[in-house]
Amino acid sequence: MTSTLAPPFAIAFQPIVDVETGLTIAQEALVRGRAGQSAGSVLAAVPLPDRYRVDADIRRAAIEEALRLGLPATTAALTLNLYPGCVSHPEYGVRRTADDAAALGFPMDRLVFEISEMEAVEDPEALALELGALQRRGLRIALDDVGTGHARMPLLMAWRPDGAKIAREVIMGLDLDPQRLEQVRLTLAQLNSFGLVPVVEGVETVGEMRALRAMGVRAMQGYLFARPGVGVLPVPVVPDGAA
């Protein structure tokens, strides 16, 4: 069975790196237009009734592309973005993607779903129950964009994800802004109190990297290490000064 992903879409990958060891922890699958358009612009062009179907098609296409590029032979997991409302959808939810992965032969222990910021979480407690049930079936689910977006902290209070990602909007320029630095420090402390090891995305400068590293962050993602690549699994490069 081949992917039903529409021709205008392409799959890009961007690595998450352990800046202490230089190892790639995961490759995040990102949808792009054929001319390089961003995920936001591509998904905004999808009619609302087709949103979840296209989202499921993108996830399957990402698994197929990851297999084609040999991701299971690397150290990396594959992370897939997921609309909150799509979690338990009977046709296009997590279970469909898990079935797709099994049918394609992708190892389930290398698959991580990220709850996307692209949609509001209207009932965090109900979503938390659904996510917990999926985790008990062996699926790994992480929380994206902690500190921004729609009801992320209420969801974190009701549910224990397998990972958490702090957005660029939170960390941008933290090395030059004491107030922002303290905000990040408090966010990291909160995640640590929940027993979560954070990933920080959108790291673009050596100063940001060093400030995060000084606070104990090892897992990072951003243009500083590698830009998203179509047709490749980008290899991150960690600048000097991370250790």
C-alpha atoms as a PDB file:
ATOM      1  CA  MET A   1       0.000   0.000   0.000  1.00  0.00           C
ATOM      2  CA  THR A   2       1.417   3.395  -0.958  1.00  0.00           C
ATOM      3  CA  SER A   3       0.890   6.718   0.740  1.00  0.00           C
ATOM      4  CA  THR A   4      -2.129   8.830  -0.149  1.00  0.00           C
ATOM      5  CA  LEU A   5      -0.171  12.019   0.465  1.00  0.00           C
ATOM      6  CA  ALA A   6      -1.086  14.597  -2.172  1.00  0.00           C
ATOM      7  CA  PRO A   7       1.656  15.542  -4.668  1.00  0.00           C
ATOM      8  CA  PRO A   8       2.063  19.147  -3.398  1.00  0.00           C
ATOM      9  CA  PHE A   9       3.457  17.869  -0.088  1.00  0.00           C
ATOM     10  CA  ALA A  10       6.994  16.835   0.774  1.00  0.00           C
ATOM     11  CA  ILE A  11       8.471  15.424   3.970  1.00  0.00           C
ATOM     12  CA  ALA A  12      11.461  17.109   5.606  1.00  0.00           C
ATOM     13  CA  PHE A  13      13.414  15.959   8.646  1.00  0.00           C
ATOM     14  CA  GLN A  14      15.170  18.006  11.326  1.00  0.00           C
ATOM     15  CA  PRO A  15      17.333  16.323  13.979  1.00  0.00           C
ATOM     16  CA  ILE A  16      17.212  16.631  17.742  1.00  0.00           C
ATOM     17  CA  VAL A  17      20.765  16.315  19.070  1.00  0.00           C
ATOM     18  CA  ASP A  18      22.372  15.515  22.389  1.00  0.00           C
ATOM     19  CA  VAL A  19      24.815  18.414  22.478  1.00  0.00           C
ATOM     20  CA  GLU A  20      27.078  16.613  24.952  1.00  0.00           C
ATOM     21  CA  THR A  21      27.629  13.496  22.852  1.00  0.00           C
ATOM     22  CA  GLY A  22      26.742  14.799  19.396  1.00  0.00           C
ATOM     23  CA  LEU A  23      24.369  11.853  18.857  1.00  0.00           C
ATOM     24  CA  THR A  24      21.085  12.339  17.035  1.00  0.00           C
ATOM     25  CA  ILE A  25      18.263  11.558  19.465  1.00  0.00           C
ATOM     26  CA  ALA A  26      15.430  11.875  16.958  1.00  0.00           C
ATOM     27  CA  GLN A  27      14.489  13.122  13.538  1.00  0.00           C
ATOM     28  CA  GLU A  28      11.302  15.211  13.519  1.00  0.00           C
ATOM     29  CA  ALA A  29       9.169  14.804  10.397  1.00  0.00           C
ATOM     30  CA  LEU A  30       7.910  18.105   9.011  1.00  0.00           C
ATOM     31  CA  VAL A  31       5.540  18.704   6.109  1.00  0.00           C
ATOM     32  CA  ARG A  32       6.679  21.145   3.428  1.00  0.00           C
ATOM     33  CA  GLY A  33       5.340  22.369   0.136  1.00  0.00           C
ATOM     34  CA  ARG A  34       7.136  21.266  -3.002  1.00  0.00           C
ATOM     35  CA  ALA A  35       8.525  24.809  -3.287  1.00  0.00           C
ATOM     36  CA  GLY A  36       9.640  24.782   0.333  1.00  0.00           C
ATOM     37  CA  GLN A  37       6.543  26.350   1.888  1.00  0.00           C
ATOM     38  CA  SER A  38       6.257  26.020   5.676  1.00  0.00           C
ATOM     39  CA  ALA A  39       4.064  23.504   7.451  1.00  0.00           C
ATOM     40  CA  GLY A  40       1.743  26.278   8.592  1.00  0.00           C
ATOM     41  CA  SER A  41       1.101  27.569   5.083  1.00  0.00           C
ATOM     42  CA  VAL A  42       0.683  24.069   3.660  1.00  0.00           C
ATOM     43  CA  LEU A  43      -1.796  22.965   6.327  1.00  0.00           C
ATOM     44  CA  ALA A  44      -3.678  26.276   6.179  1.00  0.00           C
ATOM     45  CA  ALA A  45      -4.507  25.487   2.557  1.00  0.00           C
ATOM     46  CA  VAL A  46      -6.183  22.198   3.517  1.00  0.00           C
ATOM     47  CA  PRO A  47     -10.003  22.509   3.803  1.00  0.00           C
ATOM     48  CA  LEU A  48     -11.159  22.017   7.382  1.00  0.00           C
ATOM     49  CA  PRO A  49     -13.152  18.816   6.652  1.00  0.00           C
ATOM     50  CA  ASP A  50      -9.998  17.215   5.186  1.00  0.00           C
ATOM     51  CA  ARG A  51      -7.612  18.283   7.951  1.00  0.00           C
ATOM     52  CA  TYR A  52      -7.436  15.034   9.921  1.00  0.00           C
ATOM     53  CA  ARG A  53      -7.330  12.835   6.817  1.00  0.00           C
ATOM     54  CA  VAL A  54      -4.407  14.817   5.412  1.00  0.00           C
ATOM     55  CA  ASP A  55      -2.696  14.774   8.803  1.00  0.00           C
ATOM     56  CA  ALA A  56      -2.877  10.963   8.875  1.00  0.00           C
ATOM     57  CA  ASP A  57      -1.620  10.797   5.282  1.00  0.00           C
ATOM     58  CA  ILE A  58       1.350  13.001   6.203  1.00  0.00           C
ATOM     59  CA  ARG A  59       2.228  10.773   9.155  1.00  0.00           C
ATOM     60  CA  ARG A  60       2.177   7.660   6.964  1.00  0.00           C
ATOM     61  CA  ALA A  61       4.264   9.369   4.295  1.00  0.00           C
ATOM     62  CA  ALA A  62       6.792  10.379   6.967  1.00  0.00           C
ATOM     63  CA  ILE A  63       7.124   6.763   8.117  1.00  0.00           C
ATOM     64  CA  GLU A  64       7.590   5.586   4.525  1.00  0.00           C
ATOM     65  CA  GLU A  65      10.231   8.254   3.888  1.00  0.00           C
ATOM     66  CA  ALA A  66      12.039   7.498   7.145  1.00  0.00           C
ATOM     67  CA  LEU A  67      12.204   3.835   6.154  1.00  0.00           C
ATOM     68  CA  ARG A  68      13.417   4.707   2.650  1.00  0.00           C
ATOM     69  CA  LEU A  69      16.207   6.821   4.144  1.00  0.00           C
ATOM     70  CA  GLY A  70      17.218   4.099   6.606  1.00  0.00           C
ATOM     71  CA  LEU A  71      16.300   5.813   9.862  1.00  0.00           C
ATOM     72  CA  PRO A  72      15.877   2.531  11.845  1.00  0.00           C
ATOM     73  CA  ALA A  73      19.573   1.803  11.271  1.00  0.00           C
ATOM     74  CA  THR A  74      20.561   5.057  13.021  1.00  0.00           C
ATOM     75  CA  THR A  75      20.455   6.116  16.680  1.00  0.00           C
ATOM     76  CA  ALA A  76      17.366   8.257  16.087  1.00  0.00           C
ATOM     77  CA  ALA A  77      13.689   7.914  16.857  1.00  0.00           C
ATOM     78  CA  LEU A  78      11.073   9.371  14.499  1.00  0.00           C
ATOM     79  CA  THR A  79       8.820  12.095  15.870  1.00  0.00           C
ATOM     80  CA  LEU A  80       5.475  12.843  14.239  1.00  0.00           C
ATOM     81  CA  ASN A  81       3.301  15.879  14.910  1.00  0.00           C
ATOM     82  CA  LEU A  82      -0.330  15.239  15.789  1.00  0.00           C
ATOM     83  CA  TYR A  83      -3.401  17.451  16.079  1.00  0.00           C
ATOM     84  CA  PRO A  84      -4.878  17.091  19.600  1.00  0.00           C
ATOM     85  CA  GLY A  85      -8.332  16.442  18.153  1.00  0.00           C
ATOM     86  CA  CYS A  86      -6.907  13.677  15.992  1.00  0.00           C
ATOM     87  CA  VAL A  87      -5.603  11.616  18.918  1.00  0.00           C
ATOM     88  CA  SER A  88      -8.569   9.254  19.181  1.00  0.00           C
ATOM     89  CA  HIS A  89     -10.204   9.871  15.807  1.00  0.00           C
ATOM     90  CA  PRO A  90     -11.750   6.550  14.662  1.00  0.00           C
ATOM     91  CA  GLU A  91     -10.304   6.783  11.134  1.00  0.00           C
ATOM     92  CA  TYR A  92      -7.339   9.147  11.266  1.00  0.00           C
ATOM     93  CA  GLY A  93      -6.030   8.973  14.831  1.00  0.00           C
ATOM     94  CA  VAL A  94      -2.996   7.518  16.568  1.00  0.00           C
ATOM     95  CA  ARG A  95      -4.175   3.931  16.195  1.00  0.00           C
ATOM     96  CA  ARG A  96      -4.269   4.259  12.411  1.00  0.00           C
ATOM     97  CA  THR A  97      -0.689   5.529  12.352  1.00  0.00           C
ATOM     98  CA  ALA A  98       0.396   2.751  14.709  1.00  0.00           C
ATOM     99  CA  ASP A  99      -1.249   0.231  12.355  1.00  0.00           C
ATOM    100  CA  ASP A 100       0.476   1.882   9.373  1.00  0.00           C
ATOM    101  CA  ALA A 101       3.844   1.667  11.133  1.00  0.00           C
ATOM    102  CA  ALA A 102       3.322  -2.012  11.952  1.00  0.00           C
ATOM    103  CA  ALA A 103       2.253  -2.814   8.396  1.00  0.00           C
ATOM    104  CA  LEU A 104       5.298  -1.025   6.982  1.00  0.00           C
ATOM    105  CA  GLY A 105       7.674  -2.714   9.426  1.00  0.00           C
ATOM    106  CA  PHE A 106       8.694   0.425  11.309  1.00  0.00           C
ATOM    107  CA  PRO A 107       9.787  -0.378  14.906  1.00  0.00           C
ATOM    108  CA  MET A 108       7.194   1.008  17.315  1.00  0.00           C
ATOM    109  CA  ASP A 109       9.764   1.641  20.037  1.00  0.00           C
ATOM    110  CA  ARG A 110      11.376   4.204  17.706  1.00  0.00           C
ATOM    111  CA  LEU A 111       8.141   6.161  17.083  1.00  0.00           C
ATOM    112  CA  VAL A 112       7.154   9.234  19.116  1.00  0.00           C
ATOM    113  CA  PHE A 113       4.021  11.338  18.656  1.00  0.00           C
ATOM    114  CA  GLU A 114       4.143  15.059  19.509  1.00  0.00           C
ATOM    115  CA  ILE A 115       0.930  16.856  20.424  1.00  0.00           C
ATOM    116  CA  SER A 116       0.986  19.792  18.009  1.00  0.00           C
ATOM    117  CA  GLU A 117       0.310  23.478  18.701  1.00  0.00           C
ATOM    118  CA  MET A 118      -1.797  23.745  15.533  1.00  0.00           C
ATOM    119  CA  GLU A 119      -5.107  23.277  17.356  1.00  0.00           C
ATOM    120  CA  ALA A 120      -6.645  24.343  20.682  1.00  0.00           C
ATOM    121  CA  VAL A 121      -7.040  21.815  23.493  1.00  0.00           C
ATOM    122  CA  GLU A 122     -10.635  22.379  24.561  1.00  0.00           C
ATOM    123  CA  ASP A 123     -10.762  19.763  27.337  1.00  0.00           C
ATOM    124  CA  PRO A 124      -7.281  18.983  28.727  1.00  0.00           C
ATOM    125  CA  GLU A 125      -8.574  16.434  31.252  1.00  0.00           C
ATOM    126  CA  ALA A 126     -10.467  14.396  28.619  1.00  0.00           C
ATOM    127  CA  LEU A 127      -7.452  14.500  26.295  1.00  0.00           C
ATOM    128  CA  ALA A 128      -5.213  13.439  29.190  1.00  0.00           C
ATOM    129  CA  LEU A 129      -7.333  10.316  29.738  1.00  0.00           C
ATOM    130  CA  GLU A 130      -7.119   9.415  26.037  1.00  0.00           C
ATOM    131  CA  LEU A 131      -3.355   9.954  25.946  1.00  0.00           C
ATOM    132  CA  GLY A 132      -2.788   7.895  29.069  1.00  0.00           C
ATOM    133  CA  ALA A 133      -4.796   5.006  27.604  1.00  0.00           C
ATOM    134  CA  LEU A 134      -2.656   5.076  24.450  1.00  0.00           C
ATOM    135  CA  GLN A 135       0.552   5.123  26.485  1.00  0.00           C
ATOM    136  CA  ARG A 136      -0.583   2.060  28.413  1.00  0.00           C
ATOM    137  CA  ARG A 137      -0.781   0.304  25.041  1.00  0.00           C
ATOM    138  CA  GLY A 138       2.896   1.021  24.503  1.00  0.00           C
ATOM    139  CA  LEU A 139       2.771   4.224  22.439  1.00  0.00           C
ATOM    140  CA  ARG A 140       5.159   7.094  23.189  1.00  0.00           C
ATOM    141  CA  ILE A 141       3.598  10.564  23.233  1.00  0.00           C
ATOM    142  CA  ALA A 142       5.353  13.869  23.947  1.00  0.00           C
ATOM    143  CA  LEU A 143       4.049  17.378  24.581  1.00  0.00           C
ATOM    144  CA  ASP A 144       5.102  20.060  22.110  1.00  0.00           C
ATOM    145  CA  ASP A 145       5.524  23.804  22.725  1.00  0.00           C
ATOM    146  CA  VAL A 146       5.536  23.893  26.514  1.00  0.00           C
ATOM    147  CA  GLY A 147       5.188  27.508  27.633  1.00  0.00           C
ATOM    148  CA  THR A 148       3.216  28.629  24.556  1.00  0.00           C
ATOM    149  CA  GLY A 149       0.219  27.568  22.531  1.00  0.00           C
ATOM    150  CA  HIS A 150      -3.168  26.282  23.632  1.00  0.00           C
ATOM    151  CA  ALA A 151      -3.626  25.050  27.207  1.00  0.00           C
ATOM    152  CA  ARG A 152      -0.264  23.298  27.323  1.00  0.00           C
ATOM    153  CA  MET A 153       0.310  23.671  31.055  1.00  0.00           C
ATOM    154  CA  PRO A 154      -3.220  22.493  32.017  1.00  0.00           C
ATOM    155  CA  LEU A 155      -2.611  19.399  29.906  1.00  0.00           C
ATOM    156  CA  LEU A 156       0.768  18.853  31.559  1.00  0.00           C
ATOM    157  CA  MET A 157      -0.883  19.089  34.972  1.00  0.00           C
ATOM    158  CA  ALA A 158      -3.364  16.330  34.032  1.00  0.00           C
ATOM    159  CA  TRP A 159      -1.071  13.973  32.110  1.00  0.00           C
ATOM    160  CA  ARG A 160       2.502  12.705  32.163  1.00  0.00           C
ATOM    161  CA  PRO A 161       3.970  12.747  28.661  1.00  0.00           C
ATOM    162  CA  ASP A 162       6.965  10.695  27.561  1.00  0.00           C
ATOM    163  CA  GLY A 163       8.780  13.921  26.752  1.00  0.00           C
ATOM    164  CA  ALA A 164       8.311  17.690  26.541  1.00  0.00           C
ATOM    165  CA  LYS A 165       9.562  20.288  24.089  1.00  0.00           C
ATOM    166  CA  ILE A 166      10.115  23.975  24.864  1.00  0.00           C
ATOM    167  CA  ALA A 167       9.406  26.296  21.940  1.00  0.00           C
ATOM    168  CA  ARG A 168      11.707  28.884  20.398  1.00  0.00           C
ATOM    169  CA  GLU A 169       9.324  31.658  21.442  1.00  0.00           C
ATOM    170  CA  VAL A 170      10.263  30.846  25.046  1.00  0.00           C
ATOM    171  CA  ILE A 171      14.057  30.638  24.678  1.00  0.00           C
ATOM    172  CA  MET A 172      14.748  33.191  21.916  1.00  0.00           C
ATOM    173  CA  GLY A 173      17.583  35.466  22.982  1.00  0.00           C
ATOM    174  CA  LEU A 174      17.589  34.183  26.560  1.00  0.00           C
ATOM    175  CA  ASP A 175      21.347  34.750  26.832  1.00  0.00           C
ATOM    176  CA  LEU A 176      20.772  38.493  26.340  1.00  0.00           C
ATOM    177  CA  ASP A 177      17.625  38.882  28.445  1.00  0.00           C
ATOM    178  CA  PRO A 178      17.801  38.159  32.202  1.00  0.00           C
ATOM    179  CA  GLN A 179      14.009  38.124  32.529  1.00  0.00           C
ATOM    180  CA  ARG A 180      13.637  35.548  29.752  1.00  0.00           C
ATOM    181  CA  LEU A 181      16.507  33.532  31.217  1.00  0.00           C
ATOM    182  CA  GLU A 182      14.659  33.333  34.534  1.00  0.00           C
ATOM    183  CA  GLN A 183      11.432  32.341  32.754  1.00  0.00           C
ATOM    184  CA  VAL A 184      13.247  29.463  31.065  1.00  0.00           C
ATOM    185  CA  ARG A 185      14.855  28.464  34.361  1.00  0.00           C
ATOM    186  CA  LEU A 186      11.407  28.266  35.999  1.00  0.00           C
ATOM    187  CA  THR A 187       9.988  26.270  33.073  1.00  0.00           C
ATOM    188  CA  LEU A 188      12.858  23.796  33.287  1.00  0.00           C
ATOM    189  CA  ALA A 189      12.357  23.460  37.040  1.00  0.00           C
ATOM    190  CA  GLN A 190       8.660  22.748  36.499  1.00  0.00           C
ATOM    191  CA  LEU A 191       9.406  20.068  33.921  1.00  0.00           C
ATOM    192  CA  ASN A 192      12.015  18.563  36.224  1.00  0.00           C
ATOM    193  CA  SER A 193       9.426  18.402  39.021  1.00  0.00           C
ATOM    194  CA  PHE A 194       7.297  16.279  36.684  1.00  0.00           C
ATOM    195  CA  GLY A 195      10.260  14.000  35.986  1.00  0.00           C
ATOM    196  CA  LEU A 196      10.572  15.161  32.373  1.00  0.00           C
ATOM    197  CA  VAL A 197      13.794  15.625  30.409  1.00  0.00           C
ATOM    198  CA  PRO A 198      13.164  18.576  28.073  1.00  0.00           C
ATOM    199  CA  VAL A 199      14.009  19.114  24.438  1.00  0.00           C
ATOM    200  CA  VAL A 200      14.504  22.758  23.462  1.00  0.00           C
ATOM    201  CA  GLU A 201      13.666  23.626  19.871  1.00  0.00           C
ATOM    202  CA  GLY A 202      14.545  26.662  17.787  1.00  0.00           C
ATOM    203  CA  VAL A 203      18.099  27.090  19.061  1.00  0.00           C
ATOM    204  CA  GLU A 204      19.762  29.430  16.570  1.00  0.00           C
ATOM    205  CA  THR A 205      22.771  31.003  18.285  1.00  0.00           C
ATOM    206  CA  VAL A 206      25.794  29.775  20.197  1.00  0.00           C
ATOM    207  CA  GLY A 207      24.795  32.110  23.036  1.00  0.00           C
ATOM    208  CA  GLU A 208      21.385  30.445  23.368  1.00  0.00           C
ATOM    209  CA  MET A 209      23.017  27.013  23.290  1.00  0.00           C
ATOM    210  CA  ARG A 210      25.543  27.890  25.979  1.00  0.00           C
ATOM    211  CA  ALA A 211      22.908  29.441  28.255  1.00  0.00           C
ATOM    212  CA  LEU A 212      20.729  26.347  27.962  1.00  0.00           C
ATOM    213  CA  ARG A 213      23.678  24.038  28.495  1.00  0.00           C
ATOM    214  CA  ALA A 214      24.581  25.952  31.663  1.00  0.00           C
ATOM    215  CA  MET A 215      21.086  25.099  32.954  1.00  0.00           C
ATOM    216  CA  GLY A 216      21.606  21.416  32.244  1.00  0.00           C
ATOM    217  CA  VAL A 217      19.797  21.084  28.902  1.00  0.00           C
ATOM    218  CA  ARG A 218      21.333  18.507  26.589  1.00  0.00           C
ATOM    219  CA  ALA A 219      18.627  17.774  23.979  1.00  0.00           C
ATOM    220  CA  MET A 220      18.330  20.613  21.472  1.00  0.00           C
ATOM    221  CA  GLN A 221      16.987  21.258  17.997  1.00  0.00           C
ATOM    222  CA  GLY A 222      17.386  24.220  15.694  1.00  0.00           C
ATOM    223  CA  TYR A 223      19.105  25.903  12.793  1.00  0.00           C
ATOM    224  CA  LEU A 224      22.324  26.162  14.802  1.00  0.00           C
ATOM    225  CA  PHE A 225      22.746  22.382  14.440  1.00  0.00           C
ATOM    226  CA  ALA A 226      20.909  21.540  11.201  1.00  0.00           C
ATOM    227  CA  ARG A 227      18.151  22.921   9.023  1.00  0.00           C
ATOM    228  CA  PRO A 228      15.261  20.699   7.917  1.00  0.00           C
ATOM    229  CA  GLY A 229      16.153  18.633   4.869  1.00  0.00           C
ATOM    230  CA  VAL A 230      13.961  17.033   2.211  1.00  0.00           C
ATOM    231  CA  GLY A 231      15.133  13.657   0.954  1.00  0.00           C
ATOM    232  CA  VAL A 232      17.844  13.333   3.625  1.00  0.00           C
ATOM    233  CA  LEU A 233      18.274  12.677   7.334  1.00  0.00           C
ATOM    234  CA  PRO A 234      20.315  15.776   8.247  1.00  0.00           C
ATOM    235  CA  VAL A 235      23.396  15.191  10.395  1.00  0.00           C
ATOM    236  CA  PRO A 236      23.617  17.797  13.176  1.00  0.00           C
ATOM    237  CA  VAL A 237      26.840  19.664  13.879  1.00  0.00           C
ATOM    238  CA  VAL A 238      27.341  20.906  17.439  1.00  0.00           C
ATOM    239  CA  PRO A 239      29.503  24.058  17.679  1.00  0.00           C
ATOM    240  CA  ASP A 240      32.372  24.227  20.120  1.00  0.00           C
ATOM    241  CA  GLY A 241      31.396  25.310  23.590  1.00  0.00           C
ATOM    242  CA  ALA A 242      28.439  22.989  24.174  1.00  0.00           C
ATOM    243  CA  ALA A 243      30.168  20.658  26.605  1.00  0.00           C
END
